[in-house]
Amino acid sequence: MLAEYYGLTKNLHISLALLSGCLFMLRGLWGLLVYRRALLQLRLNRLSYVIDTCLLLAALLLLVSLSFAPLAAPWLQAKLVLLLCYLLFGALAFRVQYAIVLRWLAYFAALICYMGMYYSARWHQPFAGVFASAI
């Protein structure tokens, strides 16, 4: 039943992932450069939570519709590892109690993890094919 909506769910997941990444980049730059919480930033945070929740639901719908085991494909394992790293680095980047240099490093590390997730999903290669041997 869910398989007939696979294309729609996949496109929704891709769109939400790109929107989430752009919003993370905007929120990160705002938080690192402006240093103060404005009403607009708080609304962006709330919007980010909604988008990320919908992104997670779309991912789960994709897994269910394909009867796919998340740990069956190496590229998906890599994407999940990068997702955990992205979450940890992103959380560190938004914590104001840490030094600004550490927050900038965490921000860039989170962006690198995001790019790795994108390329791993796009090419279905673990870690974007970085560690793949040349043939």
N, C-alpha and C. Protein backbone atom coordinates (compact mmCIF):
# COMPACT_ATOMS: atom_id res chain seq x y z
N MET A 1 0.81 -1.20 0.00
CA MET A 1 0.00 0.00 0.00
C MET A 1 0.86 1.27 0.00
N LEU A 2 1.88 1.28 0.83
CA LEU A 2 2.75 2.44 0.87
C LEU A 2 3.69 2.51 -0.34
N ALA A 3 3.90 1.37 -0.99
CA ALA A 3 4.82 1.32 -2.13
C ALA A 3 4.33 2.19 -3.28
N GLU A 4 3.04 2.36 -3.41
CA GLU A 4 2.53 3.19 -4.50
C GLU A 4 2.82 4.67 -4.29
N TYR A 5 3.13 5.06 -3.07
CA TYR A 5 3.50 6.45 -2.78
C TYR A 5 5.01 6.62 -2.62
N TYR A 6 5.77 5.64 -3.08
CA TYR A 6 7.22 5.68 -2.90
C TYR A 6 7.83 6.93 -3.54
N GLY A 7 7.47 7.23 -4.78
CA GLY A 7 8.04 8.38 -5.48
C GLY A 7 7.75 9.69 -4.75
N LEU A 8 6.53 9.84 -4.31
CA LEU A 8 6.14 11.05 -3.58
C LEU A 8 6.90 11.14 -2.26
N THR A 9 6.98 10.02 -1.55
CA THR A 9 7.67 10.01 -0.26
C THR A 9 9.16 10.28 -0.43
N LYS A 10 9.75 9.70 -1.47
CA LYS A 10 11.18 9.92 -1.73
C LYS A 10 11.45 11.39 -2.05
N ASN A 11 10.63 11.98 -2.92
CA ASN A 11 10.81 13.39 -3.26
C ASN A 11 10.57 14.30 -2.06
N LEU A 12 9.61 13.95 -1.23
CA LEU A 12 9.37 14.71 -0.01
C LEU A 12 10.58 14.62 0.92
N HIS A 13 11.13 13.42 1.06
CA HIS A 13 12.31 13.22 1.92
C HIS A 13 13.50 14.04 1.41
N ILE A 14 13.74 14.00 0.11
CA ILE A 14 14.85 14.75 -0.48
C ILE A 14 14.65 16.25 -0.27
N SER A 15 13.44 16.74 -0.53
CA SER A 15 13.15 18.17 -0.37
C SER A 15 13.32 18.61 1.09
N LEU A 16 12.81 17.80 2.00
CA LEU A 16 12.95 18.14 3.42
C LEU A 16 14.40 18.10 3.87
N ALA A 17 15.18 17.15 3.33
CA ALA A 17 16.61 17.07 3.70
C ALA A 17 17.36 18.31 3.22
N LEU A 18 17.09 18.75 2.00
CA LEU A 18 17.75 19.96 1.49
C LEU A 18 17.30 21.20 2.27
N LEU A 19 16.01 21.28 2.57
CA LEU A 19 15.50 22.41 3.35
C LEU A 19 16.09 22.41 4.75
N SER A 20 16.20 21.25 5.35
CA SER A 20 16.77 21.14 6.69
C SER A 20 18.24 21.58 6.69
N GLY A 21 18.99 21.17 5.68
CA GLY A 21 20.39 21.56 5.59
C GLY A 21 20.56 23.06 5.41
N CYS A 22 19.74 23.65 4.54
CA CYS A 22 19.81 25.10 4.33
C CYS A 22 19.44 25.85 5.60
N LEU A 23 18.43 25.36 6.29
CA LEU A 23 18.01 26.00 7.53
C LEU A 23 19.08 25.86 8.61
N PHE A 24 19.75 24.70 8.66
CA PHE A 24 20.84 24.52 9.61
C PHE A 24 21.96 25.51 9.32
N MET A 25 22.29 25.67 8.03
CA MET A 25 23.36 26.60 7.66
C MET A 25 23.00 28.03 8.07
N LEU A 26 21.76 28.42 7.82
CA LEU A 26 21.30 29.76 8.18
C LEU A 26 21.30 29.96 9.69
N ARG A 27 20.74 29.00 10.42
CA ARG A 27 20.70 29.11 11.88
C ARG A 27 22.10 29.13 12.48
N GLY A 28 23.00 28.31 11.92
CA GLY A 28 24.36 28.27 12.42
C GLY A 28 25.09 29.58 12.23
N LEU A 29 24.98 30.13 11.02
CA LEU A 29 25.64 31.42 10.76
C LEU A 29 25.05 32.52 11.63
N TRP A 30 23.74 32.52 11.77
CA TRP A 30 23.09 33.52 12.61
C TRP A 30 23.56 33.39 14.05
N GLY A 31 23.59 32.18 14.57
CA GLY A 31 23.99 31.97 15.95
C GLY A 31 25.46 32.28 16.20
N LEU A 32 26.31 32.03 15.21
CA LEU A 32 27.73 32.26 15.40
C LEU A 32 28.14 33.70 15.12
N LEU A 33 27.41 34.39 14.28
CA LEU A 33 27.80 35.75 13.93
C LEU A 33 27.04 36.83 14.71
N VAL A 34 25.79 36.58 15.05
CA VAL A 34 24.97 37.61 15.68
C VAL A 34 25.05 37.54 17.21
N TYR A 35 25.16 36.36 17.77
CA TYR A 35 25.33 36.15 19.21
C TYR A 35 24.13 36.48 20.07
N ARG A 36 23.02 36.90 19.51
CA ARG A 36 21.88 37.18 20.38
C ARG A 36 20.64 36.50 19.79
N ARG A 37 19.74 36.15 20.66
CA ARG A 37 18.54 35.43 20.24
C ARG A 37 17.44 36.44 19.92
N ALA A 38 17.01 36.43 18.72
CA ALA A 38 15.90 37.30 18.30
C ALA A 38 14.66 36.44 18.12
N LEU A 39 13.53 37.10 18.01
CA LEU A 39 12.27 36.40 17.82
C LEU A 39 12.30 35.59 16.53
N LEU A 40 12.87 36.15 15.48
CA LEU A 40 12.94 35.43 14.21
C LEU A 40 13.79 34.16 14.34
N GLN A 41 14.87 34.25 15.10
CA GLN A 41 15.71 33.06 15.29
C GLN A 41 14.95 31.99 16.05
N LEU A 42 14.18 32.37 17.04
CA LEU A 42 13.38 31.40 17.79
C LEU A 42 12.34 30.74 16.88
N ARG A 43 11.76 31.51 15.98
CA ARG A 43 10.79 30.94 15.03
C ARG A 43 11.49 30.01 14.05
N LEU A 44 12.69 30.36 13.64
CA LEU A 44 13.46 29.47 12.75
C LEU A 44 13.79 28.16 13.46
N ASN A 45 14.08 28.25 14.75
CA ASN A 45 14.35 27.03 15.52
C ASN A 45 13.12 26.13 15.54
N ARG A 46 11.97 26.71 15.79
CA ARG A 46 10.73 25.92 15.80
C ARG A 46 10.45 25.31 14.43
N LEU A 47 10.64 26.11 13.39
CA LEU A 47 10.45 25.60 12.03
C LEU A 47 11.41 24.45 11.75
N SER A 48 12.62 24.57 12.23
CA SER A 48 13.61 23.51 12.04
C SER A 48 13.16 22.22 12.71
N TYR A 49 12.59 22.32 13.90
CA TYR A 49 12.10 21.13 14.60
C TYR A 49 10.99 20.45 13.81
N VAL A 50 10.09 21.24 13.25
CA VAL A 50 8.98 20.68 12.46
C VAL A 50 9.52 20.00 11.21
N ILE A 51 10.43 20.67 10.52
CA ILE A 51 11.00 20.10 9.28
C ILE A 51 11.76 18.82 9.58
N ASP A 52 12.57 18.82 10.63
CA ASP A 52 13.35 17.63 10.97
C ASP A 52 12.46 16.47 11.39
N THR A 53 11.36 16.76 12.08
CA THR A 53 10.41 15.70 12.45
C THR A 53 9.76 15.11 11.21
N CYS A 54 9.35 15.97 10.29
CA CYS A 54 8.75 15.48 9.03
C CYS A 54 9.77 14.70 8.22
N LEU A 55 11.03 15.13 8.25
CA LEU A 55 12.10 14.43 7.54
C LEU A 55 12.28 13.02 8.11
N LEU A 56 12.27 12.91 9.42
CA LEU A 56 12.40 11.60 10.05
C LEU A 56 11.21 10.71 9.71
N LEU A 57 10.01 11.27 9.74
CA LEU A 57 8.82 10.49 9.38
C LEU A 57 8.86 10.03 7.93
N ALA A 58 9.33 10.88 7.04
CA ALA A 58 9.45 10.49 5.63
C ALA A 58 10.48 9.37 5.47
N ALA A 59 11.57 9.44 6.21
CA ALA A 59 12.58 8.39 6.15
C ALA A 59 12.01 7.06 6.64
N LEU A 60 11.26 7.12 7.73
CA LEU A 60 10.65 5.90 8.24
C LEU A 60 9.61 5.34 7.27
N LEU A 61 8.86 6.20 6.62
CA LEU A 61 7.90 5.74 5.61
C LEU A 61 8.61 5.08 4.44
N LEU A 62 9.76 5.62 4.04
CA LEU A 62 10.53 5.00 2.97
C LEU A 62 11.01 3.60 3.37
N LEU A 63 11.49 3.48 4.59
CA LEU A 63 11.96 2.17 5.06
C LEU A 63 10.82 1.17 5.12
N VAL A 64 9.66 1.60 5.60
CA VAL A 64 8.51 0.70 5.72
C VAL A 64 7.98 0.33 4.34
N SER A 65 7.89 1.30 3.44
CA SER A 65 7.32 1.03 2.12
C SER A 65 8.19 0.08 1.32
N LEU A 66 9.49 0.07 1.56
CA LEU A 66 10.40 -0.83 0.85
C LEU A 66 10.70 -2.10 1.63
N SER A 67 10.16 -2.21 2.84
CA SER A 67 10.50 -3.32 3.75
C SER A 67 12.01 -3.47 3.84
N PHE A 68 12.65 -2.34 4.11
CA PHE A 68 14.10 -2.24 4.05
C PHE A 68 14.67 -2.26 5.46
N ALA A 69 15.66 -3.10 5.67
CA ALA A 69 16.37 -3.12 6.95
C ALA A 69 17.47 -2.05 6.90
N PRO A 70 17.48 -1.11 7.83
CA PRO A 70 18.43 0.00 7.76
C PRO A 70 19.89 -0.43 7.77
N LEU A 71 20.19 -1.54 8.40
CA LEU A 71 21.58 -1.96 8.49
C LEU A 71 21.97 -2.94 7.39
N ALA A 72 21.09 -3.15 6.41
CA ALA A 72 21.38 -4.10 5.33
C ALA A 72 22.29 -3.50 4.27
N ALA A 73 22.23 -2.22 4.07
CA ALA A 73 23.02 -1.57 3.01
C ALA A 73 24.15 -0.75 3.64
N PRO A 74 25.38 -0.94 3.15
CA PRO A 74 26.51 -0.19 3.72
C PRO A 74 26.35 1.33 3.60
N TRP A 75 25.78 1.81 2.51
CA TRP A 75 25.63 3.26 2.35
C TRP A 75 24.64 3.82 3.38
N LEU A 76 23.63 3.03 3.74
CA LEU A 76 22.68 3.49 4.75
C LEU A 76 23.29 3.45 6.14
N GLN A 77 24.14 2.47 6.39
CA GLN A 77 24.86 2.44 7.67
C GLN A 77 25.74 3.68 7.80
N ALA A 78 26.44 4.01 6.71
CA ALA A 78 27.30 5.19 6.72
C ALA A 78 26.47 6.46 6.94
N LYS A 79 25.31 6.51 6.29
CA LYS A 79 24.44 7.68 6.44
C LYS A 79 23.96 7.82 7.88
N LEU A 80 23.63 6.71 8.54
CA LEU A 80 23.18 6.77 9.93
C LEU A 80 24.31 7.19 10.87
N VAL A 81 25.53 6.71 10.62
CA VAL A 81 26.69 7.13 11.43
C VAL A 81 26.93 8.62 11.24
N LEU A 82 26.88 9.08 9.99
CA LEU A 82 27.08 10.50 9.72
C LEU A 82 25.95 11.34 10.33
N LEU A 83 24.73 10.80 10.37
CA LEU A 83 23.62 11.51 10.99
C LEU A 83 23.87 11.72 12.48
N LEU A 84 24.36 10.69 13.15
CA LEU A 84 24.67 10.83 14.58
C LEU A 84 25.77 11.86 14.80
N CYS A 85 26.80 11.83 13.97
CA CYS A 85 27.88 12.82 14.07
C CYS A 85 27.36 14.22 13.79
N TYR A 86 26.50 14.34 12.78
CA TYR A 86 25.89 15.63 12.43
C TYR A 86 25.09 16.19 13.61
N LEU A 87 24.33 15.33 14.26
CA LEU A 87 23.55 15.78 15.42
C LEU A 87 24.44 16.24 16.57
N LEU A 88 25.49 15.46 16.84
CA LEU A 88 26.40 15.83 17.93
C LEU A 88 27.15 17.13 17.64
N PHE A 89 27.70 17.25 16.44
CA PHE A 89 28.42 18.47 16.08
C PHE A 89 27.47 19.67 16.02
N GLY A 90 26.26 19.46 15.49
CA GLY A 90 25.30 20.55 15.42
C GLY A 90 24.88 21.03 16.80
N ALA A 91 24.67 20.11 17.72
CA ALA A 91 24.32 20.49 19.08
C ALA A 91 25.46 21.27 19.74
N LEU A 92 26.68 20.84 19.50
CA LEU A 92 27.84 21.54 20.06
C LEU A 92 27.96 22.94 19.47
N ALA A 93 27.68 23.09 18.19
CA ALA A 93 27.81 24.39 17.53
C ALA A 93 26.81 25.41 18.07
N PHE A 94 25.66 24.95 18.57
CA PHE A 94 24.63 25.86 19.06
C PHE A 94 24.73 26.13 20.56
N ARG A 95 25.67 25.55 21.25
CA ARG A 95 25.82 25.77 22.69
C ARG A 95 26.67 27.01 22.94
N VAL A 96 26.08 28.00 23.56
CA VAL A 96 26.78 29.27 23.75
C VAL A 96 27.84 29.21 24.84
N GLN A 97 27.82 28.20 25.69
CA GLN A 97 28.78 28.16 26.79
C GLN A 97 30.18 27.73 26.33
N TYR A 98 30.31 27.25 25.10
CA TYR A 98 31.62 26.83 24.60
C TYR A 98 32.31 27.97 23.86
N ALA A 99 33.62 27.86 23.74
CA ALA A 99 34.40 28.89 23.05
C ALA A 99 33.96 28.99 21.59
N ILE A 100 34.05 30.19 21.05
CA ILE A 100 33.57 30.44 19.69
C ILE A 100 34.36 29.64 18.65
N VAL A 101 35.65 29.43 18.90
CA VAL A 101 36.45 28.64 17.95
C VAL A 101 35.95 27.20 17.91
N LEU A 102 35.66 26.64 19.06
CA LEU A 102 35.14 25.27 19.11
C LEU A 102 33.78 25.18 18.43
N ARG A 103 32.95 26.20 18.62
CA ARG A 103 31.63 26.22 17.99
C ARG A 103 31.75 26.31 16.47
N TRP A 104 32.68 27.11 15.96
CA TRP A 104 32.89 27.20 14.51
C TRP A 104 33.38 25.87 13.96
N LEU A 105 34.31 25.23 14.66
CA LEU A 105 34.81 23.92 14.21
C LEU A 105 33.69 22.89 14.19
N ALA A 106 32.86 22.90 15.22
CA ALA A 106 31.73 21.96 15.28
C ALA A 106 30.73 22.26 14.15
N TYR A 107 30.52 23.52 13.85
CA TYR A 107 29.61 23.92 12.77
C TYR A 107 30.11 23.38 11.43
N PHE A 108 31.38 23.58 11.15
CA PHE A 108 31.94 23.09 9.88
C PHE A 108 31.97 21.56 9.84
N ALA A 109 32.24 20.92 10.97
CA ALA A 109 32.22 19.46 11.02
C ALA A 109 30.80 18.94 10.75
N ALA A 110 29.79 19.63 11.29
CA ALA A 110 28.40 19.24 11.03
C ALA A 110 28.06 19.41 9.56
N LEU A 111 28.52 20.48 8.94
CA LEU A 111 28.27 20.68 7.51
C LEU A 111 28.95 19.61 6.67
N ILE A 112 30.14 19.19 7.06
CA ILE A 112 30.84 18.12 6.34
C ILE A 112 30.07 16.80 6.49
N CYS A 113 29.57 16.55 7.68
CA CYS A 113 28.74 15.35 7.89
C CYS A 113 27.48 15.41 7.04
N TYR A 114 26.86 16.58 6.95
CA TYR A 114 25.67 16.74 6.13
C TYR A 114 25.99 16.44 4.66
N MET A 115 27.10 16.99 4.18
CA MET A 115 27.49 16.72 2.78
C MET A 115 27.77 15.24 2.57
N GLY A 116 28.39 14.60 3.55
CA GLY A 116 28.64 13.17 3.45
C GLY A 116 27.36 12.36 3.40
N MET A 117 26.36 12.77 4.21
CA MET A 117 25.06 12.08 4.16
C MET A 117 24.42 12.26 2.80
N TYR A 118 24.50 13.47 2.26
CA TYR A 118 23.89 13.73 0.95
C TYR A 118 24.53 12.86 -0.13
N TYR A 119 25.85 12.86 -0.18
CA TYR A 119 26.52 12.09 -1.22
C TYR A 119 26.39 10.59 -1.02
N SER A 120 26.38 10.13 0.22
CA SER A 120 26.16 8.71 0.47
C SER A 120 24.78 8.27 -0.01
N ALA A 121 23.80 9.10 0.23
CA ALA A 121 22.44 8.78 -0.21
C ALA A 121 22.30 8.93 -1.72
N ARG A 122 22.96 9.91 -2.28
CA ARG A 122 22.83 10.17 -3.72
C ARG A 122 23.48 9.07 -4.55
N TRP A 123 24.67 8.64 -4.14
CA TRP A 123 25.42 7.66 -4.93
C TRP A 123 25.28 6.24 -4.40
N HIS A 124 24.64 6.09 -3.24
CA HIS A 124 24.51 4.79 -2.57
C HIS A 124 25.88 4.15 -2.36
N GLN A 125 26.81 4.99 -1.97
CA GLN A 125 28.17 4.57 -1.64
C GLN A 125 28.45 4.97 -0.20
N PRO A 126 29.03 4.06 0.60
CA PRO A 126 29.36 4.43 1.98
C PRO A 126 30.36 5.58 2.02
N PHE A 127 30.09 6.54 2.84
CA PHE A 127 30.94 7.71 3.03
C PHE A 127 31.27 8.38 1.70
N ALA A 128 30.27 8.45 0.84
CA ALA A 128 30.34 9.15 -0.44
C ALA A 128 31.40 8.55 -1.36
N GLY A 129 31.76 7.30 -1.14
CA GLY A 129 32.74 6.66 -2.00
C GLY A 129 34.17 7.12 -1.75
N VAL A 130 34.38 7.87 -0.68
CA VAL A 130 35.72 8.40 -0.38
C VAL A 130 36.70 7.27 -0.15
N PHE A 131 36.25 6.22 0.52
CA PHE A 131 37.14 5.12 0.86
C PHE A 131 37.06 3.98 -0.15
N ALA A 132 36.31 4.17 -1.24
CA ALA A 132 36.20 3.13 -2.26
C ALA A 132 37.50 3.03 -3.04
N SER A 133 37.86 1.83 -3.36
CA SER A 133 39.10 1.66 -4.12
C SER A 133 38.85 2.00 -5.58
N ALA A 134 39.84 2.60 -6.20
CA ALA A 134 39.74 2.96 -7.63
C ALA A 134 39.91 1.71 -8.47
N ILE A 135 39.05 1.60 -9.44
CA ILE A 135 39.11 0.41 -10.32
C ILE A 135 39.72 0.79 -11.64
